[in-house]
Amino acid sequence: MTINGKTGIAALALALAAPCVTYYEGVIPHTYADPVGIPTACVGHTGPDVRMGQTYTPAQCKGMLYSDLGKALADVNRCLAIDVTPEQAAALVSFTFNVGGAAFCNSTLARLANSGVPATTWCAQLLRWNKATKLGMTFELPGLVKRRNAEYQMCLGHPWSAA
């Protein structure tokens, strides 16, 4: 994505993504199992450093959030070769934060965006990512339906809203 080196746009994208991510992930200052059983902490933070039984301070949770958002932004930058608006970047950062960089980079969404189709087409791909798999069964998560709708609206240039 061509916001590389454009610090103001990157900062705006992160500032727009953070409330959306925080709203949909919640802030839980201890480790818990997410809906598919992945150990998670604070604001949706996962990884090898997260083990059940840990607790975190508000400052630690905020630090993890901004570190994770920065990684998601780097993944979006790495895999998207088109100019995007700050709102589109924020939607993609929120999405990538949630699904991971590899999933974003290998997605139809990224492929369509890079092919030059209109944003309305590739933004709509966000709506497809509303399911989770647990014990071999795939099911729609109501929270993901709401989150993807919010990211889709943001991708279309509308301000983020919890509604």
C-alpha atoms as a PDB file:
ATOM      1  CA  MET A   1       0.000   0.000   0.000  1.00  0.00           C
ATOM      2  CA  THR A   2       1.419   3.366  -0.780  1.00  0.00           C
ATOM      3  CA  ILE A   3       1.033   4.814   2.687  1.00  0.00           C
ATOM      4  CA  ASN A   4       4.549   3.487   3.296  1.00  0.00           C
ATOM      5  CA  GLY A   5       6.616   6.488   4.263  1.00  0.00           C
ATOM      6  CA  LYS A   6       3.529   8.662   4.707  1.00  0.00           C
ATOM      7  CA  THR A   7       3.629   8.869   8.475  1.00  0.00           C
ATOM      8  CA  GLY A   8       0.578  11.127   8.805  1.00  0.00           C
ATOM      9  CA  ILE A   9      -1.655   8.787   6.809  1.00  0.00           C
ATOM     10  CA  ALA A  10      -0.367   5.726   8.670  1.00  0.00           C
ATOM     11  CA  ALA A  11      -0.935   7.429  12.027  1.00  0.00           C
ATOM     12  CA  LEU A  12      -4.456   8.432  10.979  1.00  0.00           C
ATOM     13  CA  ALA A  13      -5.215   4.888   9.831  1.00  0.00           C
ATOM     14  CA  LEU A  14      -4.083   3.519  13.204  1.00  0.00           C
ATOM     15  CA  ALA A  15      -6.063   6.185  15.068  1.00  0.00           C
ATOM     16  CA  LEU A  16      -9.175   5.227  13.085  1.00  0.00           C
ATOM     17  CA  ALA A  17      -8.631   1.476  13.499  1.00  0.00           C
ATOM     18  CA  ALA A  18      -7.906   1.442  17.252  1.00  0.00           C
ATOM     19  CA  PRO A  19     -11.439   2.275  18.504  1.00  0.00           C
ATOM     20  CA  CYS A  20     -13.005  -0.218  16.094  1.00  0.00           C
ATOM     21  CA  VAL A  21     -10.639  -3.003  17.145  1.00  0.00           C
ATOM     22  CA  THR A  22     -11.056  -2.154  20.825  1.00  0.00           C
ATOM     23  CA  TYR A  23     -14.848  -2.109  20.551  1.00  0.00           C
ATOM     24  CA  TYR A  24     -15.106  -5.483  18.839  1.00  0.00           C
ATOM     25  CA  GLU A  25     -12.322  -7.228  20.753  1.00  0.00           C
ATOM     26  CA  GLY A  26     -13.100  -5.733  24.151  1.00  0.00           C
ATOM     27  CA  VAL A  27     -10.499  -5.071  26.826  1.00  0.00           C
ATOM     28  CA  ILE A  28      -9.986  -8.072  29.059  1.00  0.00           C
ATOM     29  CA  PRO A  29      -6.869  -7.658  31.239  1.00  0.00           C
ATOM     30  CA  HIS A  30      -6.267 -11.381  31.658  1.00  0.00           C
ATOM     31  CA  THR A  31      -5.902 -14.421  29.449  1.00  0.00           C
ATOM     32  CA  TYR A  32      -9.076 -16.099  28.205  1.00  0.00           C
ATOM     33  CA  ALA A  33     -10.032 -18.548  25.479  1.00  0.00           C
ATOM     34  CA  ASP A  34     -11.610 -16.856  22.449  1.00  0.00           C
ATOM     35  CA  PRO A  35     -14.705 -18.397  20.764  1.00  0.00           C
ATOM     36  CA  VAL A  36     -12.564 -21.042  19.030  1.00  0.00           C
ATOM     37  CA  GLY A  37     -10.331 -21.727  22.032  1.00  0.00           C
ATOM     38  CA  ILE A  38      -7.272 -19.588  21.219  1.00  0.00           C
ATOM     39  CA  PRO A  39      -5.608 -18.123  24.340  1.00  0.00           C
ATOM     40  CA  THR A  40      -6.174 -14.361  24.068  1.00  0.00           C
ATOM     41  CA  ALA A  41      -5.442 -11.370  26.290  1.00  0.00           C
ATOM     42  CA  CYS A  42      -6.247  -7.686  26.586  1.00  0.00           C
ATOM     43  CA  VAL A  43      -7.492  -6.377  23.215  1.00  0.00           C
ATOM     44  CA  GLY A  44      -7.461  -9.543  21.123  1.00  0.00           C
ATOM     45  CA  HIS A  45      -3.748 -10.204  21.574  1.00  0.00           C
ATOM     46  CA  THR A  46      -2.692 -13.753  20.710  1.00  0.00           C
ATOM     47  CA  GLY A  47       0.635 -15.454  20.228  1.00  0.00           C
ATOM     48  CA  PRO A  48       3.222 -17.625  21.906  1.00  0.00           C
ATOM     49  CA  ASP A  49       3.619 -15.097  24.737  1.00  0.00           C
ATOM     50  CA  VAL A  50      -0.010 -15.597  25.838  1.00  0.00           C
ATOM     51  CA  ARG A  51      -0.603 -18.343  28.387  1.00  0.00           C
ATOM     52  CA  MET A  52      -3.677 -19.049  30.451  1.00  0.00           C
ATOM     53  CA  GLY A  53      -3.559 -17.545  33.956  1.00  0.00           C
ATOM     54  CA  GLN A  54      -1.755 -14.312  33.049  1.00  0.00           C
ATOM     55  CA  THR A  55      -3.014 -10.859  34.016  1.00  0.00           C
ATOM     56  CA  TYR A  56      -2.029  -7.489  32.542  1.00  0.00           C
ATOM     57  CA  THR A  57      -2.053  -3.822  33.499  1.00  0.00           C
ATOM     58  CA  PRO A  58      -3.927  -1.244  31.389  1.00  0.00           C
ATOM     59  CA  ALA A  59      -0.554   0.038  30.145  1.00  0.00           C
ATOM     60  CA  GLN A  60       0.503  -3.456  29.063  1.00  0.00           C
ATOM     61  CA  CYS A  61      -2.804  -3.954  27.230  1.00  0.00           C
ATOM     62  CA  LYS A  62      -2.435  -0.613  25.432  1.00  0.00           C
ATOM     63  CA  GLY A  63       1.140  -1.450  24.483  1.00  0.00           C
ATOM     64  CA  MET A  64       0.113  -4.838  23.059  1.00  0.00           C
ATOM     65  CA  LEU A  65      -2.741  -3.234  21.118  1.00  0.00           C
ATOM     66  CA  TYR A  66      -0.550  -0.655  19.410  1.00  0.00           C
ATOM     67  CA  SER A  67       2.191  -3.192  18.732  1.00  0.00           C
ATOM     68  CA  ASP A  68      -0.372  -5.545  17.155  1.00  0.00           C
ATOM     69  CA  LEU A  69      -1.941  -2.715  15.131  1.00  0.00           C
ATOM     70  CA  GLY A  70       1.518  -1.741  13.887  1.00  0.00           C
ATOM     71  CA  LYS A  71       2.145  -5.326  12.752  1.00  0.00           C
ATOM     72  CA  ALA A  72      -1.221  -5.407  10.987  1.00  0.00           C
ATOM     73  CA  LEU A  73      -0.411  -2.112   9.247  1.00  0.00           C
ATOM     74  CA  ALA A  74       2.957  -3.512   8.142  1.00  0.00           C
ATOM     75  CA  ASP A  75       1.201  -6.576   6.698  1.00  0.00           C
ATOM     76  CA  VAL A  76      -1.280  -4.393   4.818  1.00  0.00           C
ATOM     77  CA  ASN A  77       1.591  -2.260   3.506  1.00  0.00           C
ATOM     78  CA  ARG A  78       3.497  -5.357   2.410  1.00  0.00           C
ATOM     79  CA  CYS A  79       0.624  -6.989   0.555  1.00  0.00           C
ATOM     80  CA  LEU A  80      -1.307  -4.100  -0.965  1.00  0.00           C
ATOM     81  CA  ALA A  81       0.173  -2.239  -3.916  1.00  0.00           C
ATOM     82  CA  ILE A  82      -2.499   0.422  -4.438  1.00  0.00           C
ATOM     83  CA  ASP A  83      -3.254   3.836  -3.006  1.00  0.00           C
ATOM     84  CA  VAL A  84      -5.926   3.714  -0.326  1.00  0.00           C
ATOM     85  CA  THR A  85      -7.644   6.306   1.806  1.00  0.00           C
ATOM     86  CA  PRO A  86      -6.999   6.469   5.565  1.00  0.00           C
ATOM     87  CA  GLU A  87     -10.463   4.969   6.138  1.00  0.00           C
ATOM     88  CA  GLN A  88      -9.721   2.060   3.802  1.00  0.00           C
ATOM     89  CA  ALA A  89      -6.363   1.535   5.482  1.00  0.00           C
ATOM     90  CA  ALA A  90      -8.068   1.557   8.902  1.00  0.00           C
ATOM     91  CA  ALA A  91     -10.630  -1.030   7.776  1.00  0.00           C
ATOM     92  CA  LEU A  92      -7.873  -3.242   6.397  1.00  0.00           C
ATOM     93  CA  VAL A  93      -5.760  -2.874   9.544  1.00  0.00           C
ATOM     94  CA  SER A  94      -8.735  -3.858  11.732  1.00  0.00           C
ATOM     95  CA  PHE A  95      -9.446  -6.820   9.451  1.00  0.00           C
ATOM     96  CA  THR A  96      -5.802  -7.927   9.322  1.00  0.00           C
ATOM     97  CA  PHE A  97      -5.466  -7.531  13.104  1.00  0.00           C
ATOM     98  CA  ASN A  98      -8.306 -10.029  13.401  1.00  0.00           C
ATOM     99  CA  VAL A  99      -7.486 -12.590  10.686  1.00  0.00           C
ATOM    100  CA  GLY A 100      -3.700 -12.284  10.525  1.00  0.00           C
ATOM    101  CA  GLY A 101      -1.278 -11.069   7.907  1.00  0.00           C
ATOM    102  CA  ALA A 102      -1.008 -14.348   5.998  1.00  0.00           C
ATOM    103  CA  ALA A 103      -4.791 -14.620   5.644  1.00  0.00           C
ATOM    104  CA  PHE A 104      -5.021 -11.025   4.431  1.00  0.00           C
ATOM    105  CA  CYS A 105      -2.115 -11.330   2.006  1.00  0.00           C
ATOM    106  CA  ASN A 106      -3.520 -14.528   0.479  1.00  0.00           C
ATOM    107  CA  SER A 107      -7.109 -13.274   0.344  1.00  0.00           C
ATOM    108  CA  THR A 108      -9.306 -12.586  -2.641  1.00  0.00           C
ATOM    109  CA  LEU A 109      -9.751  -9.130  -1.117  1.00  0.00           C
ATOM    110  CA  ALA A 110      -6.039  -8.292  -1.527  1.00  0.00           C
ATOM    111  CA  ARG A 111      -5.906  -9.886  -4.981  1.00  0.00           C
ATOM    112  CA  LEU A 112      -8.923  -7.884  -6.185  1.00  0.00           C
ATOM    113  CA  ALA A 113      -7.639  -4.633  -4.695  1.00  0.00           C
ATOM    114  CA  ASN A 114      -4.259  -5.102  -6.367  1.00  0.00           C
ATOM    115  CA  SER A 115      -5.943  -5.929  -9.686  1.00  0.00           C
ATOM    116  CA  GLY A 116      -7.417  -2.435  -9.880  1.00  0.00           C
ATOM    117  CA  VAL A 117     -11.110  -3.211  -9.479  1.00  0.00           C
ATOM    118  CA  PRO A 118     -13.182  -0.473  -7.791  1.00  0.00           C
ATOM    119  CA  ALA A 119     -12.966  -0.248  -4.014  1.00  0.00           C
ATOM    120  CA  THR A 120     -16.666  -1.053  -3.723  1.00  0.00           C
ATOM    121  CA  THR A 121     -15.855  -4.501  -5.132  1.00  0.00           C
ATOM    122  CA  TRP A 122     -12.848  -5.355  -2.992  1.00  0.00           C
ATOM    123  CA  CYS A 123     -14.266  -3.752   0.163  1.00  0.00           C
ATOM    124  CA  ALA A 124     -17.290  -6.062  -0.153  1.00  0.00           C
ATOM    125  CA  GLN A 125     -14.946  -9.023   0.339  1.00  0.00           C
ATOM    126  CA  LEU A 126     -14.707  -8.034   4.012  1.00  0.00           C
ATOM    127  CA  LEU A 127     -18.282  -9.220   4.497  1.00  0.00           C
ATOM    128  CA  ARG A 128     -17.327 -12.802   3.607  1.00  0.00           C
ATOM    129  CA  TRP A 129     -15.010 -13.174   6.610  1.00  0.00           C
ATOM    130  CA  ASN A 130     -17.638 -13.695   9.321  1.00  0.00           C
ATOM    131  CA  LYS A 131     -17.098 -17.345  10.226  1.00  0.00           C
ATOM    132  CA  ALA A 132     -14.918 -19.357  12.572  1.00  0.00           C
ATOM    133  CA  THR A 133     -14.024 -23.024  12.721  1.00  0.00           C
ATOM    134  CA  LYS A 134     -13.936 -25.059  15.919  1.00  0.00           C
ATOM    135  CA  LEU A 135     -13.557 -28.822  16.128  1.00  0.00           C
ATOM    136  CA  GLY A 136     -13.902 -29.053  12.359  1.00  0.00           C
ATOM    137  CA  MET A 137     -17.213 -27.195  12.263  1.00  0.00           C
ATOM    138  CA  THR A 138     -17.546 -23.789  10.603  1.00  0.00           C
ATOM    139  CA  PHE A 139     -20.113 -21.380  11.978  1.00  0.00           C
ATOM    140  CA  GLU A 140     -21.048 -17.723  11.612  1.00  0.00           C
ATOM    141  CA  LEU A 141     -20.210 -15.522  14.596  1.00  0.00           C
ATOM    142  CA  PRO A 142     -22.693 -12.665  15.176  1.00  0.00           C
ATOM    143  CA  GLY A 143     -19.877 -10.461  16.500  1.00  0.00           C
ATOM    144  CA  LEU A 144     -17.875 -10.989  13.306  1.00  0.00           C
ATOM    145  CA  VAL A 145     -20.921 -10.154  11.190  1.00  0.00           C
ATOM    146  CA  LYS A 146     -21.196  -6.811  13.017  1.00  0.00           C
ATOM    147  CA  ARG A 147     -17.457  -6.162  12.883  1.00  0.00           C
ATOM    148  CA  ARG A 148     -17.200  -6.907   9.161  1.00  0.00           C
ATOM    149  CA  ASN A 149     -20.153  -4.623   8.452  1.00  0.00           C
ATOM    150  CA  ALA A 150     -18.417  -1.844  10.392  1.00  0.00           C
ATOM    151  CA  GLU A 151     -15.127  -2.454   8.541  1.00  0.00           C
ATOM    152  CA  TYR A 152     -16.985  -2.512   5.223  1.00  0.00           C
ATOM    153  CA  GLN A 153     -18.633   0.842   5.947  1.00  0.00           C
ATOM    154  CA  MET A 154     -15.254   2.278   6.983  1.00  0.00           C
ATOM    155  CA  CYS A 155     -13.709   0.895   3.780  1.00  0.00           C
ATOM    156  CA  LEU A 156     -16.361   2.765   1.806  1.00  0.00           C
ATOM    157  CA  GLY A 157     -15.312   5.990   3.533  1.00  0.00           C
ATOM    158  CA  HIS A 158     -17.925   6.213   6.261  1.00  0.00           C
ATOM    159  CA  PRO A 159     -16.731   7.038   9.783  1.00  0.00           C
ATOM    160  CA  TRP A 160     -16.516   4.122  12.190  1.00  0.00           C
ATOM    161  CA  SER A 161     -19.511   3.719  14.425  1.00  0.00           C
ATOM    162  CA  ALA A 162     -20.395   1.150  17.057  1.00  0.00           C
ATOM    163  CA  ALA A 163     -23.922   1.008  15.650  1.00  0.00           C
END
